[in-house]
Amino acid sequence: MPGYSDRDRDRGRDRGYGSGPPRFGGSRGGPQTGKKYGNPGERLRKRHWNLDELPKFEKNFYREHPEVSRRTTQEVEQYRRAKEVTVKGRECPKPIIKFHEASFPSYVMDVIGKQNWTEPTPIQAQGWPLALSGKDMVGIAQTGSGKTLSYLLPAIVHINHQPFLEQGDGPICLVLAPTRELAQQVQQVAAEYGRASRLKTTCIYGGAPKGPQIRDLERGVEICIATPGRLIDFLEAGKTNLRRCTYLVLDEADRMLDMGFEPQIRKIVDQIRPDRQTLMWSATWPKEVRQLAEDFLKDYVQINVGALQLSANHNILQIVDVCNDGEKEDKLLRLLEEIMSEKENKTIIFVETKRRCDDLTRRMRRDGWPAMGIHGDKSQQERDWVLNEFKYGKAPILIATDVASRGLDVEDVKFVINFDYPNSSEDYIHRIGRTARSQKTGTAYTFFTPNNMKQAHDLVSVLREANQTINPKLLQMAEDRGGKSNWSFKGRSRWRV
């Protein structure tokens, strides 16, 4: 089954099926653990909460800074317009403009002070006051915009105002993430910022040994970052519980739904007290994510940063090469010759299947290119090693399936190449979002073939919104997408902006 897309196959491993191809066992074809239950979370029962019997907890810790209080409504609206911040919902606090205005405790401000940042990103400026006030919220912002700290710093404040963990308590803050890579990235940030107040964190994900993860949970952790499948395993086995969870984060909610995790998310949320604070973060706002927000959040405020429609980071130069499938490999090699002559040349090449990833990696390495591959069938140890080699520049070319399109936080990726165009415009935006992070600039090259014709209209819309020059052949494809394709492109020229 190597031709299956990574998105389809990686679901099974994240549910605890191991790092290799799925094997079937047990009476109902369940995972290789020998369980007799075919569906993750089948043994978890929805909890019926009596709020009168639950211990009370505080979740509003926001005290508006005098400088923020003095700002007029006109000044607030001017800031939001300038930063493309749109707010929907009742009683949203004013944004903060400088770090000290968030009124974070010293143990948070000390860590921020070491980063040499000049000002909060727009999602942080509006998200911090909202999250600290204890309200449920939805944050919609492009990748690389600072979302992780938008929810982690308020989480640390929240935790430090709760009673200490006791023996047998589960986490106070739970962050659900779609992929191992994103979960590990969030864990690194949580550990760095939580260290100052001695908060314990752990990362729970499939494809890695369960023993160390279970030991972390048994010792007690205030912050747990988890992929849904592995967490369900542990909840079913009684290795942890969510009785103390009062701060829930759904990170990259659109990606979790795209990967088919909605049933597991609902099972997990059923285990958490309903008066919790819930924060949902997403790069896009499709109807499925809107429904999840309606079901899980109460009286929430929604923050949008950037255009309300599907949009890409405007710091990315987007170049689309309309060609035939058979031309892509030659075009890729010529493109890499140009890229590798640049001083900054860290490049991610996205492909659709694991087979294509392995084949292309082998061919490029055989020809002397410093390329390495990553996909869902790689062991966790190998994936970590490959990412480190790429992160520190030892192998400047990474060939990846969509398993790496989110959660791969490497600051200095300069180029993204879509060797295979993805299944949706949302995935396209997340892929190219691996470059131009933290206000940097980057370039995305895309090979677009007649097989991708049905995506042409959406891609043109994304390019127009970002004020990019559009390949005339792509425009013609978008206009003709309703008819049969008779496209055949000759020659080797690449459309340049």
Protein backbone atom coordinates (compact mmCIF):
# COMPACT_ATOMS: atom_id res chain seq x y z
CA MET A 1 0.00 0.00 0.00
CA PRO A 2 2.89 2.45 -0.46
CA GLY A 3 0.88 4.49 -2.96
CA TYR A 4 -1.64 5.61 -0.36
CA SER A 5 -1.41 9.21 0.71
CA ASP A 6 0.47 9.94 3.93
CA ARG A 7 -2.64 11.55 5.36
CA ASP A 8 -4.59 8.28 5.15
CA ARG A 9 -1.86 6.02 6.47
CA ASP A 10 -0.52 8.16 9.31
CA ARG A 11 -3.86 8.06 11.13
CA GLY A 12 -3.40 4.41 12.02
CA ARG A 13 0.04 4.83 13.53
CA ASP A 14 -1.01 7.82 15.59
CA ARG A 15 -3.74 5.68 17.13
CA GLY A 16 -1.06 3.42 18.53
CA TYR A 17 -0.63 0.99 15.64
CA GLY A 18 3.16 1.24 15.71
CA SER A 19 5.56 2.90 13.32
CA GLY A 20 5.39 0.31 10.52
CA PRO A 21 2.51 -0.65 8.25
CA PRO A 22 -0.71 -1.53 10.12
CA ARG A 23 -1.03 -5.13 11.23
CA PHE A 24 -4.28 -6.68 12.21
CA GLY A 25 -4.98 -8.88 15.19
CA GLY A 26 -7.55 -9.53 17.91
CA SER A 27 -11.08 -10.60 17.37
CA ARG A 28 -12.17 -7.44 15.57
CA GLY A 29 -9.14 -6.54 13.49
CA GLY A 30 -7.91 -4.07 16.08
CA PRO A 31 -4.37 -2.78 16.48
CA GLN A 32 -1.40 -4.99 17.16
CA THR A 33 -1.65 -4.38 20.90
CA GLY A 34 -4.07 -7.31 21.00
CA LYS A 35 -7.09 -5.27 22.10
CA LYS A 36 -10.50 -6.60 21.24
CA TYR A 37 -11.80 -3.12 20.56
CA GLY A 38 -11.69 -1.90 16.97
CA ASN A 39 -12.49 1.80 17.49
CA PRO A 40 -10.29 4.11 19.56
CA GLY A 41 -12.17 5.27 22.64
CA GLU A 42 -14.79 2.54 22.41
CA ARG A 43 -14.47 1.81 26.12
CA LEU A 44 -14.61 5.46 27.19
CA ARG A 45 -18.01 6.52 28.47
CA LYS A 46 -19.26 10.08 28.37
CA ARG A 47 -19.04 11.57 31.85
CA HIS A 48 -22.06 13.28 33.38
CA TRP A 49 -20.85 16.22 35.41
CA ASN A 50 -22.54 17.80 38.40
CA LEU A 51 -21.00 21.26 38.53
CA ASP A 52 -22.26 21.79 42.09
CA GLU A 53 -20.05 18.94 43.29
CA LEU A 54 -16.92 19.98 41.38
CA PRO A 55 -14.24 22.07 43.15
CA LYS A 56 -14.37 25.70 42.06
CA PHE A 57 -11.49 27.17 40.13
CA GLU A 58 -10.45 30.62 38.94
CA LYS A 59 -9.77 31.36 35.28
CA ASN A 60 -9.91 35.16 34.93
CA PHE A 61 -6.46 36.58 35.65
CA TYR A 62 -6.46 39.57 33.35
CA ARG A 63 -5.99 43.03 34.78
CA GLU A 64 -5.99 45.70 32.11
CA HIS A 65 -2.80 47.77 32.12
CA PRO A 66 -3.34 51.54 32.63
CA GLU A 67 -1.75 52.29 29.24
CA VAL A 68 -4.28 49.96 27.58
CA SER A 69 -7.17 51.48 29.53
CA ARG A 70 -6.25 54.96 28.28
CA ARG A 71 -6.48 53.94 24.61
CA THR A 72 -9.60 55.19 22.89
CA THR A 73 -11.90 53.04 20.80
CA GLN A 74 -10.60 54.83 17.72
CA GLU A 75 -6.98 53.95 18.61
CA VAL A 76 -7.91 50.31 19.19
CA GLU A 77 -9.72 50.09 15.84
CA GLN A 78 -6.81 51.78 14.09
CA TYR A 79 -4.40 49.17 15.51
CA ARG A 80 -6.68 46.30 14.50
CA ARG A 81 -7.04 47.63 10.97
CA ALA A 82 -3.29 48.12 10.62
CA LYS A 83 -2.59 44.55 11.80
CA GLU A 84 -5.58 43.01 9.92
CA VAL A 85 -7.15 41.83 13.19
CA THR A 86 -10.89 41.11 13.09
CA VAL A 87 -12.82 40.35 16.28
CA LYS A 88 -16.22 38.68 16.53
CA GLY A 89 -18.02 38.09 19.83
CA ARG A 90 -18.97 39.87 23.05
CA GLU A 91 -16.71 41.60 25.60
CA CYS A 92 -13.39 41.16 23.85
CA PRO A 93 -10.66 43.06 25.71
CA LYS A 94 -8.55 45.66 23.96
CA PRO A 95 -5.33 44.41 22.36
CA ILE A 96 -2.00 45.05 24.04
CA ILE A 97 0.76 46.68 22.00
CA LYS A 98 3.84 46.15 24.20
CA PHE A 99 4.82 43.05 26.15
CA HIS A 100 4.63 44.72 29.56
CA GLU A 101 0.99 45.63 28.92
CA ALA A 102 -0.01 41.95 29.16
CA SER A 103 0.79 42.15 32.89
CA PHE A 104 2.33 38.69 32.87
CA PRO A 105 3.99 37.64 36.14
CA SER A 106 7.75 38.11 36.42
CA TYR A 107 8.47 34.40 35.80
CA VAL A 108 6.92 34.80 32.33
CA MET A 109 8.30 38.26 31.56
CA ASP A 110 11.84 37.18 32.43
CA VAL A 111 11.75 34.49 29.73
CA ILE A 112 10.18 36.87 27.19
CA GLY A 113 12.88 39.44 27.96
CA LYS A 114 15.62 37.05 26.87
CA GLN A 115 14.16 36.70 23.36
CA ASN A 116 14.95 40.26 22.15
CA TRP A 117 11.53 40.60 20.54
CA THR A 118 10.33 44.11 19.77
CA GLU A 119 6.57 43.66 20.11
CA PRO A 120 3.91 40.93 20.26
CA THR A 121 2.62 39.47 17.01
CA PRO A 122 -0.99 40.47 16.17
CA ILE A 123 -2.44 37.13 17.34
CA GLN A 124 -0.56 37.49 20.64
CA ALA A 125 -1.52 41.15 21.07
CA GLN A 126 -5.23 40.31 20.88
CA GLY A 127 -5.07 36.69 22.06
CA TRP A 128 -3.22 37.16 25.35
CA PRO A 129 -5.76 39.51 27.00
CA LEU A 130 -8.58 37.27 25.80
CA ALA A 131 -7.00 34.00 27.00
CA LEU A 132 -5.96 35.53 30.34
CA SER A 133 -9.53 36.73 30.92
CA GLY A 134 -10.72 33.12 31.04
CA LYS A 135 -13.03 33.35 28.05
CA ASP A 136 -13.38 30.63 25.42
CA MET A 137 -11.83 31.72 22.17
CA VAL A 138 -11.05 30.79 18.57
CA GLY A 139 -7.84 32.10 17.01
CA ILE A 140 -7.48 32.01 13.21
CA ALA A 141 -4.04 32.98 11.93
CA GLN A 142 -1.54 31.76 9.37
CA THR A 143 1.29 29.45 10.32
CA GLY A 144 4.37 31.05 11.84
CA SER A 145 2.35 33.86 13.46
CA GLY A 146 3.09 33.07 17.10
CA LYS A 147 0.00 31.02 17.97
CA THR A 148 1.83 28.60 20.28
CA LEU A 149 2.85 31.28 22.78
CA SER A 150 -0.61 32.85 22.41
CA TYR A 151 -2.06 29.94 24.37
CA LEU A 152 0.95 28.60 26.32
CA LEU A 153 1.80 31.73 28.30
CA PRO A 154 -1.80 32.20 29.55
CA ALA A 155 -1.81 28.44 30.30
CA ILE A 156 1.21 28.85 32.58
CA VAL A 157 -0.52 31.69 34.44
CA HIS A 158 -3.71 29.61 34.70
CA ILE A 159 -1.85 26.60 36.12
CA ASN A 160 0.04 28.65 38.70
CA HIS A 161 -3.28 29.84 40.14
CA GLN A 162 -4.62 26.29 40.64
CA PRO A 163 -3.99 23.96 43.61
CA PHE A 164 -0.90 21.76 43.35
CA LEU A 165 -1.27 18.36 41.71
CA GLU A 166 -1.91 15.47 44.04
CA GLN A 167 -1.09 11.78 43.58
CA GLY A 168 -3.19 10.34 40.74
CA ASP A 169 -4.12 13.72 39.23
CA GLY A 170 -4.00 14.18 35.49
CA PRO A 171 -2.85 17.38 33.74
CA ILE A 172 -4.34 20.83 34.32
CA CYS A 173 -3.61 21.97 30.75
CA LEU A 174 -4.21 19.64 27.81
CA VAL A 175 -3.05 20.59 24.31
CA LEU A 176 -4.34 18.35 21.49
CA ALA A 177 -2.28 18.43 18.30
CA PRO A 178 -2.65 16.53 15.00
CA THR A 179 0.92 15.28 14.46
CA ARG A 180 3.92 14.09 16.40
CA GLU A 181 6.06 16.87 14.99
CA LEU A 182 3.69 19.61 16.11
CA ALA A 183 3.23 18.01 19.53
CA GLN A 184 7.01 17.85 20.04
CA GLN A 185 7.42 21.44 18.91
CA VAL A 186 4.78 22.64 21.41
CA GLN A 187 6.42 20.52 24.13
CA GLN A 188 9.77 22.25 23.58
CA VAL A 189 8.18 25.69 23.96
CA ALA A 190 6.13 24.60 27.00
CA ALA A 191 9.20 23.17 28.72
CA GLU A 192 11.24 26.31 28.06
CA TYR A 193 8.64 28.73 29.41
CA GLY A 194 7.30 26.47 32.18
CA ARG A 195 10.74 25.80 33.65
CA ALA A 196 10.86 29.14 35.45
CA SER A 197 7.82 28.20 37.58
CA ARG A 198 8.79 24.51 37.83
CA LEU A 199 5.91 23.22 35.75
CA LYS A 200 6.25 19.66 34.49
CA THR A 201 5.33 18.85 30.90
CA THR A 202 5.12 15.73 28.77
CA CYS A 203 4.45 14.88 25.15
CA ILE A 204 2.16 11.92 24.32
CA TYR A 205 2.15 10.58 20.76
CA GLY A 206 2.01 7.33 18.82
CA GLY A 207 4.95 5.62 17.20
CA ALA A 208 7.15 5.88 20.31
CA PRO A 209 7.50 3.58 23.36
CA LYS A 210 4.63 3.94 25.81
CA GLY A 211 6.68 3.27 28.96
CA PRO A 212 8.41 6.66 29.35
CA GLN A 213 5.19 8.51 28.49
CA ILE A 214 3.24 6.53 31.09
CA ARG A 215 5.91 7.20 33.73
CA ASP A 216 5.68 10.93 33.07
CA LEU A 217 1.91 10.84 33.53
CA GLU A 218 2.14 8.75 36.70
CA ARG A 219 4.64 11.18 38.25
CA GLY A 220 2.24 14.04 37.48
CA VAL A 221 2.46 16.75 34.84
CA GLU A 222 0.74 20.11 34.74
CA ILE A 223 0.91 20.37 30.93
CA CYS A 224 0.23 17.44 28.59
CA ILE A 225 0.65 17.86 24.83
CA ALA A 226 -0.90 14.89 23.03
CA THR A 227 -2.01 13.49 19.72
CA PRO A 228 -5.57 12.11 20.04
CA GLY A 229 -4.90 8.43 19.37
CA ARG A 230 -2.21 7.83 21.99
CA LEU A 231 -4.07 9.87 24.62
CA ILE A 232 -7.20 7.77 24.07
CA ASP A 233 -5.10 4.63 24.59
CA PHE A 234 -3.91 5.92 27.96
CA LEU A 235 -7.35 7.12 29.04
CA GLU A 236 -8.87 3.73 28.21
CA ALA A 237 -6.09 1.94 30.09
CA GLY A 238 -6.51 4.19 33.15
CA LYS A 239 -2.94 5.53 32.85
CA THR A 240 -4.16 9.09 33.19
CA ASN A 241 -7.38 11.08 33.62
CA LEU A 242 -8.70 14.54 32.82
CA ARG A 243 -10.48 15.29 36.11
CA ARG A 244 -8.17 18.23 36.84
CA CYS A 245 -8.13 19.59 33.28
CA THR A 246 -9.46 23.15 33.30
CA TYR A 247 -7.55 24.58 30.30
CA LEU A 248 -8.07 22.81 26.96
CA VAL A 249 -6.33 23.76 23.72
CA LEU A 250 -7.19 22.35 20.28
CA ASP A 251 -4.21 23.28 18.12
CA GLU A 252 -4.43 23.10 14.31
CA ALA A 253 -8.08 22.08 14.64
CA ASP A 254 -8.61 22.09 10.87
CA ARG A 255 -5.76 19.65 10.37
CA MET A 256 -7.07 17.31 13.10
CA LEU A 257 -10.44 17.14 11.38
CA ASP A 258 -8.77 16.66 7.99
CA MET A 259 -6.89 13.67 9.43
CA GLY A 260 -10.12 12.10 10.67
CA PHE A 261 -9.64 12.72 14.40
CA GLU A 262 -13.07 14.21 15.13
CA PRO A 263 -14.50 11.08 16.86
CA GLN A 264 -11.43 10.83 19.11
CA ILE A 265 -11.51 14.54 19.94
CA ARG A 266 -15.15 14.26 20.97
CA LYS A 267 -14.39 11.22 23.16
CA ILE A 268 -11.57 13.11 24.87
CA VAL A 269 -13.57 16.31 25.42
CA ASP A 270 -16.35 14.23 27.01
CA GLN A 271 -13.84 13.39 29.78
CA ILE A 272 -13.24 17.07 30.67
CA ARG A 273 -15.42 19.19 32.95
CA PRO A 274 -17.72 21.45 30.91
CA ASP A 275 -16.84 24.68 32.78
CA ARG A 276 -13.24 24.47 31.56
CA GLN A 277 -11.66 27.19 29.45
CA THR A 278 -11.36 26.06 25.82
CA LEU A 279 -9.14 27.64 23.17
CA MET A 280 -9.28 26.52 19.54
CA TRP A 281 -6.54 27.48 17.10
CA SER A 282 -6.62 27.01 13.37
CA ALA A 283 -5.12 28.41 10.19
CA THR A 284 -8.40 28.08 8.26
CA TRP A 285 -12.09 28.28 9.20
CA PRO A 286 -14.03 25.65 7.23
CA LYS A 287 -17.58 24.69 8.25
CA GLU A 288 -16.37 21.53 10.05
CA VAL A 289 -14.18 23.61 12.37
CA ARG A 290 -17.04 26.07 12.93
CA GLN A 291 -19.26 23.17 14.01
CA LEU A 292 -16.62 21.93 16.44
CA ALA A 293 -16.37 25.40 17.95
CA GLU A 294 -20.14 25.59 18.40
CA ASP A 295 -20.15 22.21 20.15
CA PHE A 296 -17.15 22.71 22.46
CA LEU A 297 -16.99 26.44 23.23
CA LYS A 298 -19.36 28.65 25.18
CA ASP A 299 -19.96 32.33 24.39
CA TYR A 300 -16.64 32.45 22.60
CA VAL A 301 -14.78 35.31 20.95
CA GLN A 302 -13.20 34.72 17.54
CA ILE A 303 -10.02 36.46 16.43
CA ASN A 304 -9.00 36.50 12.76
CA VAL A 305 -5.58 37.75 11.74
CA GLY A 306 -5.25 38.42 8.02
CA ALA A 307 -7.89 38.07 5.35
CA LEU A 308 -11.10 36.31 6.35
CA GLN A 309 -10.99 34.21 3.19
CA LEU A 310 -8.37 31.54 2.51
CA SER A 311 -5.05 33.38 2.33
CA ALA A 312 -1.34 32.74 2.22
CA ASN A 313 1.45 34.58 4.01
CA HIS A 314 2.15 37.70 1.92
CA ASN A 315 5.88 37.45 2.69
CA ILE A 316 6.09 34.39 0.41
CA LEU A 317 6.85 34.82 -3.28
CA GLN A 318 4.67 32.21 -5.04
CA ILE A 319 5.81 30.89 -8.45
CA VAL A 320 3.66 28.35 -10.32
CA ASP A 321 5.13 26.27 -13.15
CA VAL A 322 2.39 24.70 -15.30
CA CYS A 323 3.84 21.54 -16.85
CA ASN A 324 3.30 17.84 -17.52
CA ASP A 325 4.06 15.12 -14.95
CA GLY A 326 6.97 13.77 -16.96
CA GLU A 327 8.76 17.13 -16.92
CA LYS A 328 8.75 17.63 -13.16
CA GLU A 329 11.93 15.76 -12.28
CA ASP A 330 14.12 17.59 -14.79
CA LYS A 331 12.61 20.91 -13.75
CA LEU A 332 13.25 20.09 -10.09
CA LEU A 333 16.94 19.35 -10.68
CA ARG A 334 17.48 22.58 -12.62
CA LEU A 335 15.66 24.53 -9.94
CA LEU A 336 17.79 22.98 -7.19
CA GLU A 337 20.97 23.91 -9.09
CA GLU A 338 19.87 27.54 -8.82
CA ILE A 339 18.76 27.25 -5.19
CA MET A 340 21.90 25.48 -3.96
CA SER A 341 24.04 28.28 -5.41
CA GLU A 342 22.32 30.67 -2.98
CA LYS A 343 23.84 31.42 0.42
CA GLU A 344 20.55 30.62 2.18
CA ASN A 345 19.24 27.45 0.56
CA LYS A 346 17.34 25.34 3.09
CA THR A 347 14.57 23.71 1.03
CA ILE A 348 11.55 21.47 1.64
CA ILE A 349 10.19 19.46 -1.31
CA PHE A 350 6.62 18.22 -0.76
CA VAL A 351 5.35 15.05 -2.44
CA GLU A 352 2.02 13.26 -2.14
CA THR A 353 2.94 9.66 -1.29
CA LYS A 354 5.51 7.78 0.75
CA ARG A 355 6.61 5.80 -2.29
CA ARG A 356 7.32 9.03 -4.20
CA CYS A 357 9.20 10.38 -1.17
CA ASP A 358 11.46 7.32 -0.96
CA ASP A 359 12.02 7.09 -4.73
CA LEU A 360 12.87 10.76 -5.12
CA THR A 361 15.16 10.74 -2.08
CA ARG A 362 17.06 7.70 -3.41
CA ARG A 363 17.46 9.22 -6.87
CA MET A 364 18.64 12.57 -5.58
CA ARG A 365 21.15 11.05 -3.14
CA ARG A 366 22.44 8.80 -5.91
CA ASP A 367 23.08 11.92 -7.99
CA GLY A 368 24.93 13.58 -5.11
CA TRP A 369 22.24 15.91 -3.75
CA PRO A 370 22.26 16.37 0.10
CA ALA A 371 18.64 15.25 0.46
CA MET A 372 16.83 13.31 3.19
CA GLY A 373 13.24 12.04 3.32
CA ILE A 374 10.57 12.03 6.02
CA HIS A 375 7.11 10.42 6.03
CA GLY A 376 4.71 8.54 8.31
CA ASP A 377 6.27 5.10 7.87
CA LYS A 378 9.62 6.25 9.25
CA SER A 379 10.28 5.33 12.88
CA GLN A 380 10.11 8.16 15.38
CA GLN A 381 13.85 7.88 15.99
CA GLU A 382 14.59 8.23 12.28
CA ARG A 383 12.18 11.13 11.90
CA ASP A 384 13.80 12.98 14.80
CA TRP A 385 17.26 12.37 13.37
CA VAL A 386 16.29 13.54 9.87
CA LEU A 387 14.65 16.70 11.23
CA ASN A 388 17.74 17.51 13.30
CA GLU A 389 20.02 17.02 10.28
CA PHE A 390 17.79 19.39 8.31
CA LYS A 391 17.30 21.89 11.13
CA TYR A 392 21.03 22.34 11.68
CA GLY A 393 21.86 22.49 7.96
CA LYS A 394 23.72 19.19 7.61
CA ALA A 395 21.21 18.13 4.93
CA PRO A 396 19.71 21.31 3.41
CA ILE A 397 17.10 19.46 1.29
CA LEU A 398 14.16 17.74 3.00
CA ILE A 399 11.71 15.67 0.94
CA ALA A 400 8.46 15.24 2.84
CA THR A 401 4.86 14.15 2.67
CA ASP A 402 2.14 16.21 4.35
CA VAL A 403 3.18 14.75 7.70
CA ALA A 404 5.63 17.67 7.77
CA SER A 405 3.40 20.42 6.36
CA ARG A 406 2.39 21.48 9.87
CA GLY A 407 4.33 21.43 13.07
CA LEU A 408 7.70 21.60 11.33
CA ASP A 409 9.08 24.76 12.89
CA VAL A 410 12.44 25.52 11.26
CA GLU A 411 13.04 29.26 11.24
CA ASP A 412 15.34 29.51 8.23
CA VAL A 413 13.58 27.50 5.50
CA LYS A 414 14.07 29.69 2.43
CA PHE A 415 12.35 27.62 -0.27
CA VAL A 416 9.36 25.30 -0.51
CA ILE A 417 8.80 23.22 -3.65
CA ASN A 418 5.46 21.52 -4.29
CA PHE A 419 6.67 18.65 -6.47
CA ASP A 420 3.14 17.18 -6.24
CA TYR A 421 0.29 19.63 -5.78
CA PRO A 422 -1.72 18.81 -2.62
CA ASN A 423 -5.36 17.73 -2.41
CA SER A 424 -6.66 21.07 -1.15
CA SER A 425 -5.84 24.77 -1.07
CA GLU A 426 -5.66 24.61 2.73
CA ASP A 427 -2.84 22.07 2.47
CA TYR A 428 -1.11 24.25 -0.13
CA ILE A 429 -1.16 27.21 2.26
CA HIS A 430 0.20 25.13 5.13
CA ARG A 431 2.96 23.66 3.01
CA ILE A 432 4.25 26.98 1.73
CA GLY A 433 3.87 28.35 5.27
CA ARG A 434 7.00 26.38 6.22
CA THR A 435 8.95 29.32 4.80
CA ALA A 436 8.74 33.04 5.67
CA ARG A 437 8.22 32.35 9.37
CA SER A 438 8.42 35.10 11.99
CA GLN A 439 8.20 37.95 9.46
CA LYS A 440 11.00 36.57 7.25
CA THR A 441 10.61 36.18 3.48
CA GLY A 442 10.65 33.02 1.39
CA THR A 443 9.85 31.55 -2.02
CA ALA A 444 7.44 28.75 -2.95
CA TYR A 445 7.69 26.94 -6.30
CA THR A 446 4.78 24.77 -7.41
CA PHE A 447 4.57 22.27 -10.26
CA PHE A 448 0.97 22.31 -11.47
CA THR A 449 -0.14 19.66 -13.98
CA PRO A 450 -3.35 18.93 -15.94
CA ASN A 451 -4.21 16.36 -13.25
CA ASN A 452 -4.54 19.27 -10.80
CA MET A 453 -6.95 21.20 -12.99
CA LYS A 454 -9.83 21.07 -10.50
CA GLN A 455 -7.64 23.00 -8.01
CA ALA A 456 -6.78 25.77 -10.47
CA HIS A 457 -9.58 28.15 -9.50
CA ASP A 458 -8.76 28.00 -5.76
CA LEU A 459 -5.04 28.46 -6.41
CA VAL A 460 -5.71 31.51 -8.58
CA SER A 461 -7.81 32.97 -5.74
CA VAL A 462 -5.00 32.44 -3.23
CA LEU A 463 -2.46 34.03 -5.59
CA ARG A 464 -4.71 37.02 -6.27
CA GLU A 465 -5.34 37.62 -2.58
CA ALA A 466 -1.56 37.69 -1.99
CA ASN A 467 -1.02 40.08 -4.95
CA GLN A 468 1.11 37.56 -6.85
CA THR A 469 1.70 37.57 -10.61
CA ILE A 470 -0.28 34.66 -12.07
CA ASN A 471 0.94 32.32 -14.79
CA PRO A 472 -1.37 32.82 -17.84
CA LYS A 473 -1.52 29.05 -18.36
CA LEU A 474 -2.89 28.65 -14.84
CA LEU A 475 -5.51 31.34 -15.51
CA GLN A 476 -6.55 29.53 -18.67
CA MET A 477 -6.80 26.26 -16.72
CA ALA A 478 -9.01 27.93 -14.12
CA GLU A 479 -11.32 29.23 -16.84
CA ASP A 480 -11.47 25.87 -18.63
CA ARG A 481 -11.68 23.62 -15.58
CA GLY A 482 -15.26 22.63 -16.39
CA GLY A 483 -14.29 20.99 -19.69
CA LYS A 484 -12.09 18.03 -20.56
CA SER A 485 -8.37 18.50 -20.35
CA ASN A 486 -6.37 18.39 -23.59
CA TRP A 487 -3.39 20.13 -22.04
CA SER A 488 0.14 19.34 -23.11
CA PHE A 489 2.95 21.77 -22.35
CA LYS A 490 6.15 21.62 -24.33
CA GLY A 491 9.43 23.27 -23.63
CA ARG A 492 11.40 23.77 -20.49
CA SER A 493 10.83 27.41 -19.61
CA ARG A 494 9.67 28.27 -16.10
CA TRP A 495 7.23 31.09 -15.45
CA ARG A 496 8.99 33.83 -13.50
CA VAL A 497 7.55 36.65 -11.48
